Amino acid sequence: MTDFQAARLNMVESQVRCNSVTDSRVIQAISDIPRERFVPQSCQGYAYMDEDLKIADGGREGVSRYLMEPRVFGKLVQLAEVDSGDLVLDIGSGTGYSAAVLARLGSAVVSLECDEDLAKRASSTLNDLGIDNAAVVTGPLQQGYADQAPYDVIFFNGSVEDVPKAILEQLKDNGRLVTVVGDETAGSAMVFVRAGDDTSGRKAFDALVQPLPGFQREKSFVF
């Protein structure tokens, strides 16, 4: 067993399983994907630590990008209840780790990324790993990707202050959208379910993860 394989096994046992992730398909998918391939080479030794790992500095919007910590990521993926026949939209997929895991669970993944450099890295890594049911597309994250809608599952790979109505409308009937809603100080993991023209949301657990660019509310000034 290589050092990375041992680290991955330890991550699953000490960070994922022990934090209420019980779905065997989710555990297997996280066990199968080499997380170290989705971080900068200089950070590979830290790939399995229980913390958000920076993969890119802030771009035009000044929001740095991170690989979500394994503990929260596993719980969010489980919350999405991805079935083997599901079409998944992965928003803010970064270097493609979340897309790789979701591709093991669903039928196909549309991996949406706003940063062209990250998107190229994601495409290259997914191709190198032989993951052929995940396609990387580029565009503004806050618009979703209507071209392939509707989706069975929409997964946000980071936190948002609000979920745009335009993205909720890209869900199929009975489709699920999973994200962390909050800011830099507090957040809640939420699952939204569409029923006809209505969408309802419920809080699943407290969570604090790094924000995705494009979802920040405009700040108001008081004079």
C-alpha atoms as a PDB file:
ATOM      1  CA  MET A   1       0.000   0.000   0.000  1.00  0.00           C
ATOM      2  CA  THR A   2       1.412   3.403  -1.005  1.00  0.00           C
ATOM      3  CA  ASP A   3       1.549   6.345   1.383  1.00  0.00           C
ATOM      4  CA  PHE A   4      -1.341   8.036  -0.464  1.00  0.00           C
ATOM      5  CA  GLN A   5      -3.459   4.884  -0.307  1.00  0.00           C
ATOM      6  CA  ALA A   6      -2.823   4.617   3.414  1.00  0.00           C
ATOM      7  CA  ALA A   7      -3.634   8.291   3.905  1.00  0.00           C
ATOM      8  CA  ARG A   8      -6.868   7.885   1.936  1.00  0.00           C
ATOM      9  CA  LEU A   9      -7.911   4.894   4.033  1.00  0.00           C
ATOM     10  CA  ASN A  10      -7.139   6.815   7.210  1.00  0.00           C
ATOM     11  CA  MET A  11      -9.155   9.805   5.941  1.00  0.00           C
ATOM     12  CA  VAL A  12     -12.183   7.621   5.250  1.00  0.00           C
ATOM     13  CA  GLU A  13     -12.003   5.901   8.631  1.00  0.00           C
ATOM     14  CA  SER A  14     -11.119   8.886  10.841  1.00  0.00           C
ATOM     15  CA  GLN A  15     -12.899  11.763   9.070  1.00  0.00           C
ATOM     16  CA  VAL A  16     -15.741  10.377   6.952  1.00  0.00           C
ATOM     17  CA  ARG A  17     -17.197   7.248   8.540  1.00  0.00           C
ATOM     18  CA  CYS A  18     -17.058   8.647  12.068  1.00  0.00           C
ATOM     19  CA  ASN A  19     -18.991  11.778  11.058  1.00  0.00           C
ATOM     20  CA  SER A  20     -22.333  10.145  10.221  1.00  0.00           C
ATOM     21  CA  VAL A  21     -21.483   9.143   6.644  1.00  0.00           C
ATOM     22  CA  THR A  22     -22.995   5.659   6.459  1.00  0.00           C
ATOM     23  CA  ASP A  23     -23.913   5.286   2.775  1.00  0.00           C
ATOM     24  CA  SER A  24     -21.650   2.516   1.475  1.00  0.00           C
ATOM     25  CA  ARG A  25     -21.704   3.888  -2.093  1.00  0.00           C
ATOM     26  CA  VAL A  26     -20.503   7.305  -0.909  1.00  0.00           C
ATOM     27  CA  ILE A  27     -17.781   5.743   1.237  1.00  0.00           C
ATOM     28  CA  GLN A  28     -16.611   3.586  -1.660  1.00  0.00           C
ATOM     29  CA  ALA A  29     -16.552   6.506  -4.097  1.00  0.00           C
ATOM     30  CA  ILE A  30     -14.463   8.639  -1.721  1.00  0.00           C
ATOM     31  CA  SER A  31     -12.192   5.635  -1.091  1.00  0.00           C
ATOM     32  CA  ASP A  32     -11.643   5.130  -4.820  1.00  0.00           C
ATOM     33  CA  ILE A  33     -10.755   8.673  -5.914  1.00  0.00           C
ATOM     34  CA  PRO A  34      -7.104   9.765  -5.438  1.00  0.00           C
ATOM     35  CA  ARG A  35      -7.627  13.150  -3.801  1.00  0.00           C
ATOM     36  CA  GLU A  36      -3.931  14.020  -4.135  1.00  0.00           C
ATOM     37  CA  ARG A  37      -4.348  14.236  -7.931  1.00  0.00           C
ATOM     38  CA  PHE A  38      -6.671  17.235  -7.551  1.00  0.00           C
ATOM     39  CA  VAL A  39      -4.397  19.549  -5.558  1.00  0.00           C
ATOM     40  CA  PRO A  40      -1.234  21.442  -6.560  1.00  0.00           C
ATOM     41  CA  GLN A  41       1.800  19.164  -6.522  1.00  0.00           C
ATOM     42  CA  SER A  42       3.363  21.174  -3.713  1.00  0.00           C
ATOM     43  CA  CYS A  43       0.326  20.431  -1.518  1.00  0.00           C
ATOM     44  CA  GLN A  44      -0.092  16.728  -2.232  1.00  0.00           C
ATOM     45  CA  GLY A  45       1.325  15.802   1.152  1.00  0.00           C
ATOM     46  CA  TYR A  46      -1.588  17.638   2.780  1.00  0.00           C
ATOM     47  CA  ALA A  47      -4.323  16.273   0.497  1.00  0.00           C
ATOM     48  CA  TYR A  48      -5.904  14.084   3.182  1.00  0.00           C
ATOM     49  CA  MET A  49      -5.884  16.527   6.074  1.00  0.00           C
ATOM     50  CA  ASP A  50      -9.233  17.431   7.620  1.00  0.00           C
ATOM     51  CA  GLU A  51      -9.294  21.012   6.396  1.00  0.00           C
ATOM     52  CA  ASP A  52     -10.132  23.082   3.327  1.00  0.00           C
ATOM     53  CA  LEU A  53      -7.122  23.043   1.000  1.00  0.00           C
ATOM     54  CA  LYS A  54      -6.397  26.014  -1.256  1.00  0.00           C
ATOM     55  CA  ILE A  55      -6.151  25.124  -4.940  1.00  0.00           C
ATOM     56  CA  ALA A  56      -6.090  28.639  -6.448  1.00  0.00           C
ATOM     57  CA  ASP A  57      -5.676  32.227  -5.286  1.00  0.00           C
ATOM     58  CA  GLY A  58      -8.483  34.735  -5.687  1.00  0.00           C
ATOM     59  CA  GLY A  59      -9.316  35.746  -9.248  1.00  0.00           C
ATOM     60  CA  ARG A  60     -11.280  38.698 -10.536  1.00  0.00           C
ATOM     61  CA  GLU A  61     -13.753  38.509  -7.660  1.00  0.00           C
ATOM     62  CA  GLY A  62     -11.035  38.074  -5.065  1.00  0.00           C
ATOM     63  CA  VAL A  63     -12.347  34.697  -3.887  1.00  0.00           C
ATOM     64  CA  SER A  64      -9.682  32.029  -3.443  1.00  0.00           C
ATOM     65  CA  ARG A  65     -10.692  28.482  -4.301  1.00  0.00           C
ATOM     66  CA  TYR A  66     -10.479  25.447  -2.066  1.00  0.00           C
ATOM     67  CA  LEU A  67     -10.908  21.715  -2.021  1.00  0.00           C
ATOM     68  CA  MET A  68     -13.595  21.166   0.605  1.00  0.00           C
ATOM     69  CA  GLU A  69     -12.595  19.354   3.792  1.00  0.00           C
ATOM     70  CA  PRO A  70     -13.393  15.610   3.580  1.00  0.00           C
ATOM     71  CA  ARG A  71     -15.675  15.477   6.621  1.00  0.00           C
ATOM     72  CA  VAL A  72     -18.163  18.058   5.341  1.00  0.00           C
ATOM     73  CA  PHE A  73     -17.807  16.988   1.717  1.00  0.00           C
ATOM     74  CA  GLY A  74     -18.789  13.412   2.534  1.00  0.00           C
ATOM     75  CA  LYS A  75     -21.845  14.506   4.501  1.00  0.00           C
ATOM     76  CA  LEU A  76     -22.982  16.805   1.676  1.00  0.00           C
ATOM     77  CA  VAL A  77     -22.578  14.089  -0.951  1.00  0.00           C
ATOM     78  CA  GLN A  78     -24.579  11.689   1.202  1.00  0.00           C
ATOM     79  CA  LEU A  79     -27.268  14.353   1.636  1.00  0.00           C
ATOM     80  CA  ALA A  80     -27.642  14.567  -2.158  1.00  0.00           C
ATOM     81  CA  GLU A  81     -28.683  10.889  -2.379  1.00  0.00           C
ATOM     82  CA  VAL A  82     -27.222  10.479  -5.868  1.00  0.00           C
ATOM     83  CA  ASP A  83     -28.684   7.455  -7.641  1.00  0.00           C
ATOM     84  CA  SER A  84     -26.959   5.465 -10.374  1.00  0.00           C
ATOM     85  CA  GLY A  85     -29.228   6.901 -13.062  1.00  0.00           C
ATOM     86  CA  ASP A  86     -28.965  10.553 -11.985  1.00  0.00           C
ATOM     87  CA  LEU A  87     -27.751  13.495 -14.043  1.00  0.00           C
ATOM     88  CA  VAL A  88     -25.745  15.771 -11.739  1.00  0.00           C
ATOM     89  CA  LEU A  89     -24.707  19.416 -12.071  1.00  0.00           C
ATOM     90  CA  ASP A  90     -21.582  20.098 -10.003  1.00  0.00           C
ATOM     91  CA  ILE A  91     -21.249  23.868  -9.517  1.00  0.00           C
ATOM     92  CA  GLY A  92     -17.790  25.295  -8.776  1.00  0.00           C
ATOM     93  CA  SER A  93     -16.005  22.025  -9.304  1.00  0.00           C
ATOM     94  CA  GLY A  94     -12.525  23.571  -9.169  1.00  0.00           C
ATOM     95  CA  THR A  95      -9.940  20.963 -10.132  1.00  0.00           C
ATOM     96  CA  GLY A  96     -12.637  18.290 -10.520  1.00  0.00           C
ATOM     97  CA  TYR A  97     -12.458  16.251  -7.309  1.00  0.00           C
ATOM     98  CA  SER A  98     -16.154  16.604  -6.521  1.00  0.00           C
ATOM     99  CA  ALA A  99     -17.034  15.751 -10.130  1.00  0.00           C
ATOM    100  CA  ALA A 100     -14.913  12.603  -9.908  1.00  0.00           C
ATOM    101  CA  VAL A 101     -16.677  11.411  -6.753  1.00  0.00           C
ATOM    102  CA  LEU A 102     -20.143  12.287  -8.062  1.00  0.00           C
ATOM    103  CA  ALA A 103     -19.365  10.511 -11.348  1.00  0.00           C
ATOM    104  CA  ARG A 104     -18.869   7.285  -9.391  1.00  0.00           C
ATOM    105  CA  LEU A 105     -22.364   7.653  -7.967  1.00  0.00           C
ATOM    106  CA  GLY A 106     -24.471   9.013 -10.837  1.00  0.00           C
ATOM    107  CA  SER A 107     -24.969   8.378 -14.538  1.00  0.00           C
ATOM    108  CA  ALA A 108     -23.358  11.614 -15.773  1.00  0.00           C
ATOM    109  CA  VAL A 109     -21.932  14.814 -14.296  1.00  0.00           C
ATOM    110  CA  VAL A 110     -21.847  18.301 -15.791  1.00  0.00           C
ATOM    111  CA  SER A 111     -18.923  19.974 -14.031  1.00  0.00           C
ATOM    112  CA  LEU A 112     -19.358  23.773 -14.116  1.00  0.00           C
ATOM    113  CA  GLU A 113     -16.334  25.980 -13.437  1.00  0.00           C
ATOM    114  CA  CYS A 114     -15.881  29.733 -13.947  1.00  0.00           C
ATOM    115  CA  ASP A 115     -12.058  29.695 -13.890  1.00  0.00           C
ATOM    116  CA  GLU A 116     -10.712  28.498 -17.241  1.00  0.00           C
ATOM    117  CA  ASP A 117      -7.365  27.388 -15.793  1.00  0.00           C
ATOM    118  CA  LEU A 118      -9.082  25.274 -13.133  1.00  0.00           C
ATOM    119  CA  ALA A 119     -11.438  23.860 -15.752  1.00  0.00           C
ATOM    120  CA  LYS A 120      -8.490  22.790 -17.927  1.00  0.00           C
ATOM    121  CA  ARG A 121      -6.823  21.113 -14.943  1.00  0.00           C
ATOM    122  CA  ALA A 122     -10.074  19.351 -14.076  1.00  0.00           C
ATOM    123  CA  SER A 123     -10.576  18.057 -17.626  1.00  0.00           C
ATOM    124  CA  SER A 124      -7.008  16.802 -17.799  1.00  0.00           C
ATOM    125  CA  THR A 125      -7.130  14.993 -14.461  1.00  0.00           C
ATOM    126  CA  LEU A 126     -10.529  13.421 -15.076  1.00  0.00           C
ATOM    127  CA  ASN A 127      -9.288  12.207 -18.459  1.00  0.00           C
ATOM    128  CA  ASP A 128      -6.080  10.815 -16.967  1.00  0.00           C
ATOM    129  CA  LEU A 129      -8.147   8.858 -14.426  1.00  0.00           C
ATOM    130  CA  GLY A 130     -10.427   7.460 -17.113  1.00  0.00           C
ATOM    131  CA  ILE A 131     -13.539   9.159 -15.764  1.00  0.00           C
ATOM    132  CA  ASP A 132     -15.529   9.532 -18.966  1.00  0.00           C
ATOM    133  CA  ASN A 133     -18.991  10.338 -17.581  1.00  0.00           C
ATOM    134  CA  ALA A 134     -18.049  13.817 -16.310  1.00  0.00           C
ATOM    135  CA  ALA A 135     -17.804  16.759 -18.714  1.00  0.00           C
ATOM    136  CA  VAL A 136     -16.251  20.072 -17.676  1.00  0.00           C
ATOM    137  CA  VAL A 137     -17.897  23.277 -18.945  1.00  0.00           C
ATOM    138  CA  THR A 138     -17.058  26.914 -18.221  1.00  0.00           C
ATOM    139  CA  GLY A 139     -19.348  29.789 -17.382  1.00  0.00           C
ATOM    140  CA  PRO A 140     -20.652  31.992 -14.547  1.00  0.00           C
ATOM    141  CA  LEU A 141     -21.439  29.784 -11.574  1.00  0.00           C
ATOM    142  CA  GLN A 142     -24.466  31.843 -10.491  1.00  0.00           C
ATOM    143  CA  GLN A 143     -26.257  31.043 -13.757  1.00  0.00           C
ATOM    144  CA  GLY A 144     -25.958  27.289 -13.469  1.00  0.00           C
ATOM    145  CA  TYR A 145     -25.891  25.419 -16.780  1.00  0.00           C
ATOM    146  CA  ALA A 146     -29.320  25.409 -18.394  1.00  0.00           C
ATOM    147  CA  ASP A 147     -28.121  23.745 -21.619  1.00  0.00           C
ATOM    148  CA  GLN A 148     -28.232  20.280 -20.028  1.00  0.00           C
ATOM    149  CA  ALA A 149     -31.064  20.902 -17.546  1.00  0.00           C
ATOM    150  CA  PRO A 150     -33.128  19.599 -15.893  1.00  0.00           C
ATOM    151  CA  TYR A 151     -30.935  17.807 -13.343  1.00  0.00           C
ATOM    152  CA  ASP A 152     -31.708  15.137 -10.782  1.00  0.00           C
ATOM    153  CA  VAL A 153     -29.086  16.610  -8.442  1.00  0.00           C
ATOM    154  CA  ILE A 154     -27.343  19.988  -8.219  1.00  0.00           C
ATOM    155  CA  PHE A 155     -24.306  20.073  -5.933  1.00  0.00           C
ATOM    156  CA  PHE A 156     -22.517  23.248  -4.830  1.00  0.00           C
ATOM    157  CA  ASN A 157     -18.825  22.731  -4.143  1.00  0.00           C
ATOM    158  CA  GLY A 158     -18.637  25.595  -1.617  1.00  0.00           C
ATOM    159  CA  SER A 159     -20.897  27.957   0.285  1.00  0.00           C
ATOM    160  CA  VAL A 160     -23.257  30.600  -1.092  1.00  0.00           C
ATOM    161  CA  GLU A 161     -25.138  33.440   0.563  1.00  0.00           C
ATOM    162  CA  ASP A 162     -28.207  32.807  -1.591  1.00  0.00           C
ATOM    163  CA  VAL A 163     -29.290  30.127  -4.056  1.00  0.00           C
ATOM    164  CA  PRO A 164     -30.383  31.846  -7.293  1.00  0.00           C
ATOM    165  CA  LYS A 165     -33.901  31.075  -8.486  1.00  0.00           C
ATOM    166  CA  ALA A 166     -32.500  30.436 -11.967  1.00  0.00           C
ATOM    167  CA  ILE A 167     -30.519  27.475 -10.607  1.00  0.00           C
ATOM    168  CA  LEU A 168     -33.409  26.054  -8.592  1.00  0.00           C
ATOM    169  CA  GLU A 169     -35.436  26.066 -11.804  1.00  0.00           C
ATOM    170  CA  GLN A 170     -32.855  23.750 -13.389  1.00  0.00           C
ATOM    171  CA  LEU A 171     -33.927  20.909 -11.084  1.00  0.00           C
ATOM    172  CA  LYS A 172     -36.160  18.096 -12.276  1.00  0.00           C
ATOM    173  CA  ASP A 173     -39.372  17.400 -10.396  1.00  0.00           C
ATOM    174  CA  ASN A 174     -38.284  15.656  -7.168  1.00  0.00           C
ATOM    175  CA  GLY A 175     -34.707  16.792  -7.873  1.00  0.00           C
ATOM    176  CA  ARG A 176     -32.369  17.726  -4.978  1.00  0.00           C
ATOM    177  CA  LEU A 177     -30.055  20.704  -4.614  1.00  0.00           C
ATOM    178  CA  VAL A 178     -27.407  20.523  -1.889  1.00  0.00           C
ATOM    179  CA  THR A 179     -25.290  23.416  -0.681  1.00  0.00           C
ATOM    180  CA  VAL A 180     -24.018  25.260   2.365  1.00  0.00           C
ATOM    181  CA  VAL A 181     -25.846  28.555   2.815  1.00  0.00           C
ATOM    182  CA  GLY A 182     -23.970  31.132   4.877  1.00  0.00           C
ATOM    183  CA  ASP A 183     -21.001  33.466   5.018  1.00  0.00           C
ATOM    184  CA  GLU A 184     -17.495  33.511   6.497  1.00  0.00           C
ATOM    185  CA  THR A 185     -18.771  33.168  10.067  1.00  0.00           C
ATOM    186  CA  ALA A 186     -21.649  30.657   9.994  1.00  0.00           C
ATOM    187  CA  GLY A 187     -23.381  28.300   7.622  1.00  0.00           C
ATOM    188  CA  SER A 188     -25.955  25.544   7.293  1.00  0.00           C
ATOM    189  CA  ALA A 189     -25.970  22.545   4.999  1.00  0.00           C
ATOM    190  CA  MET A 190     -29.262  22.713   3.129  1.00  0.00           C
ATOM    191  CA  VAL A 191     -31.139  20.377   0.821  1.00  0.00           C
ATOM    192  CA  PHE A 192     -33.766  21.831  -1.514  1.00  0.00           C
ATOM    193  CA  VAL A 193     -36.327  19.588  -3.209  1.00  0.00           C
ATOM    194  CA  ARG A 194     -38.433  20.605  -6.182  1.00  0.00           C
ATOM    195  CA  ALA A 195     -42.093  19.596  -6.319  1.00  0.00           C
ATOM    196  CA  GLY A 196     -43.784  20.898  -9.442  1.00  0.00           C
ATOM    197  CA  ASP A 197     -43.327  24.668  -9.535  1.00  0.00           C
ATOM    198  CA  ASP A 198     -42.417  24.857  -5.840  1.00  0.00           C
ATOM    199  CA  THR A 199     -39.102  24.246  -4.085  1.00  0.00           C
ATOM    200  CA  SER A 200     -38.749  23.682  -0.359  1.00  0.00           C
ATOM    201  CA  GLY A 201     -35.554  23.655   1.692  1.00  0.00           C
ATOM    202  CA  ARG A 202     -34.533  22.153   5.015  1.00  0.00           C
ATOM    203  CA  LYS A 203     -31.465  22.459   7.175  1.00  0.00           C
ATOM    204  CA  ALA A 204     -29.502  19.237   7.619  1.00  0.00           C
ATOM    205  CA  PHE A 205     -26.544  20.273   9.802  1.00  0.00           C
ATOM    206  CA  ASP A 206     -24.265  23.179  10.680  1.00  0.00           C
ATOM    207  CA  ALA A 207     -21.312  23.610   8.345  1.00  0.00           C
ATOM    208  CA  LEU A 208     -18.711  26.234   7.582  1.00  0.00           C
ATOM    209  CA  VAL A 209     -16.961  25.942   4.203  1.00  0.00           C
ATOM    210  CA  GLN A 210     -15.189  28.307   1.851  1.00  0.00           C
ATOM    211  CA  PRO A 211     -17.412  30.465  -0.417  1.00  0.00           C
ATOM    212  CA  LEU A 212     -17.834  30.142  -4.148  1.00  0.00           C
ATOM    213  CA  PRO A 213     -17.350  33.282  -6.262  1.00  0.00           C
ATOM    214  CA  GLY A 214     -20.391  35.036  -7.686  1.00  0.00           C
ATOM    215  CA  PHE A 215     -22.881  34.380  -4.902  1.00  0.00           C
ATOM    216  CA  GLN A 216     -22.073  37.229  -2.515  1.00  0.00           C
ATOM    217  CA  ARG A 217     -24.862  39.676  -1.703  1.00  0.00           C
ATOM    218  CA  GLU A 218     -24.276  43.280  -2.573  1.00  0.00           C
ATOM    219  CA  LYS A 219     -23.139  45.152   0.501  1.00  0.00           C
ATOM    220  CA  SER A 220     -25.249  48.079   1.618  1.00  0.00           C
ATOM    221  CA  PHE A 221     -23.661  51.159   3.153  1.00  0.00           C
ATOM    222  CA  VAL A 222     -24.978  53.064   6.124  1.00  0.00           C
ATOM    223  CA  PHE A 223     -24.070  56.758   6.331  1.00  0.00           C
END
